[in-house]
Structure formats: C-alpha cells, structure tokens
Amino acid sequence: MSRPRRATIRDVAAKAGVSIATVSKYVNGQQSFSKPVEDKLRLAIDTLGYSQNPLARSMVTGRTTAIGLAVMDIANPHYANVVKGANRVALANGYNLFVVDMEESIAAARPLLEALTPRTDGLIVSARIPTEVADWLAGLDKPVAFLGQPEHQNVMTVGTDSVEVAALLANYLVRQGFTRFGYVGYSRAAWNVERLHGLRRVLEPAGAKLMVFDVEEPTSEAGERAAARILLRPDRPEVIIGCNDLVAIGVMSEATALGFKVPDDVAFAGIDNIPISRYVSPPLTTVDVCSQATGEVVMKKIMALIEDLPPPDDLVLEPALIIRDSTQRKVSAGH
C-alpha cells in the first residue's frame, strides 16, 4: 500500500486562498498578517496536516534549530552527564543536539568540527583542543562556547575552576593528616596543569610531599596499568589523587588486587563525582564538578547567543567536596 502524499506548501496556499509566498513567510515567522488571513492559514495547515521540511526551513531562515556538542570521550561518565544536561535544555526549547565524540583524539578535532559546523546554529566544544582550532572556532560567524577554561579569551566558557577543585580536595586531605601525596595526572590536558597548581598551592605551605605520575589516557584501565609503579615503590604515597574518578578507581582496584587495604594502607580520591564513584568499594572521595549543571548552563547560554539576547558572561560553577570511605582511614597513635 502506498503512503498518502505529504501536504506541500502549495496545497496550503490553495486551501487558504493565498499565495505560496504568504504561506512561506507565515510558517517561517518572517511576517505577521491580519487575523483573518492567519486564521485561514492555521485552519489550512491543521486540516491538511502540513509539517514543514526542516531542510527547506533552514534554507529560508538560515537556521537549523540544531546545536553541536563535541566532547573528548562520550564513554567518560562526566561527559555523558554534560550531554544529558545539555540535551534536557535543548529539547525543552525546541532545539536538537548533535553530539560528536572526538575519542580523545586531538587530531580529529578540526575535521569533525568542520563537518558539524554547517549543520548547526551554534557549537559547544570541549576546551581540550589545539590553540589553532580554538582560534578557528572563535572566528566562525556563529556562537561558540567552550566546556572548561581554555586560554582563548574570545570564546564564552562554562565550567568549574580546576585550580580551586584541586585545592578544595587537597585542603581536606591535609586536614586528615596525610603528608605524602601522589597525583596520577594526564599531561595532555590543559586542566592537568591547573590541578597541579591547585594541589601545590595547598601542599607546599603544609610541608607535604607531592609525587606526580602520568597516564597515557584518562581511563580506569590506564589507572590499573599505572598502579604497580606507584604502589610498589618504597616511598609510596599515603593518599593517591586521580586526575578524574576513572583513573582513581583504576588505581584503587589494582591496589586491592595487590593486597593493599584501602584506606588504611593507602587512601584514594578522585575528581568528577561520576555515578559509579559512590558504588565502588570503598566508596570514593571526590569533588563534584557539576557535570549535568554545566551542560544545562552552557546550553542556555549558547541559545541566548543564537537568539540575539544580551551576551552572557563566562560562568564558573562551584565545586563540592564529596567525602566517602576511601579517605577515612584509622589513624594510628604514632602517625
């Protein structure tokens, strides 16, 4: 059985007794008409079940009602939560969200964004991209926002302050009595430098020792692979901070496999507050970096720019310390 023919703009014009140009201007919001004319147009559209072709509309209006969101790794729950927050706001406001996963490939950023740009009214991009790509984005004739804190001064940013995130965690751990710290970082990320700065800002005045280690990717698997060289050294850290929860969980899992008691032999903390962090054993102390809220806020701001509302300021969201069992060690009298 053949499907019924879809109503066209020509059908609406004939039914309403107006020109095709009048229908086009009405459905694209380009012009208002008298109440009798608009009543006839609405009746014809409802009767025929006319719905506009999105591609045709974008050709007329120059708008796609789509926003692109490019993240480094959609498998990372932090980014998945950013997407969830952004998509919630987009759907509530009549926008579609196109998500691109750069899969931790800096080299892939430019080609993927070039493919995404013509299909969208605005772009939201992870700050961890090369400077030349950030410069190119800043020169586009459309709104662009970064997730995080890039060095580029001409693009709106939304996120938490990585220095303050690390300092918040370090202050708590110093108060817990830890003096030998290990940081398992990801040196390819700009925020890694900022987090190290936040740690050192607190640890150096406290006289605490900081050992810095690096992983090849910010994943739990990379954390597991790095664990032995961190834990089996004679001066192993008393507490290990992962650059994110995934890395911390990976190192902590391998520590348990190697026979260490967590947190009595070695304590652990992460950053992000991804959902699984509360369910691992022991539950992981972490810093909530407002992942879903970041997605919601950046989407509201990019929509404001698209709709020519007053340009919003950058927004730094307030991180929150989440204390769990992975740092609640039994302190001996001699410690």
Foldseek 3Di string as FASTA:
>chain_A
DDDDDADDLVQLCVQLVHDSVVLLCVVLVNDDDDPSSVVSSVVSCVVRVHDDDLVVSCVVPVANLEEEEEDAACVPLLQVLLVVLQCVQSVVVSHHYHYHHNPNDLVCVQVVCVVCVSNHQEYEYELLHDPVSVVVNLPDPHAYEYEDDHPDPRHAYEWAQLLVQLLVVLVVLVVLVFAEEEEEEAVSGPSRVSNVNSNCVRNVVSNGHYHYHYFPDLALCSLLVCQCVQPVDPCHGLEYEYAALRSQNSNVVNCVVVPDDFNARHFYAYEAPRVCQVVDVPRHWYKHTCSSVRSNVVSVQSVCVSVVHPRDHHYHDDIGTDDTRRSVYDDDPVD
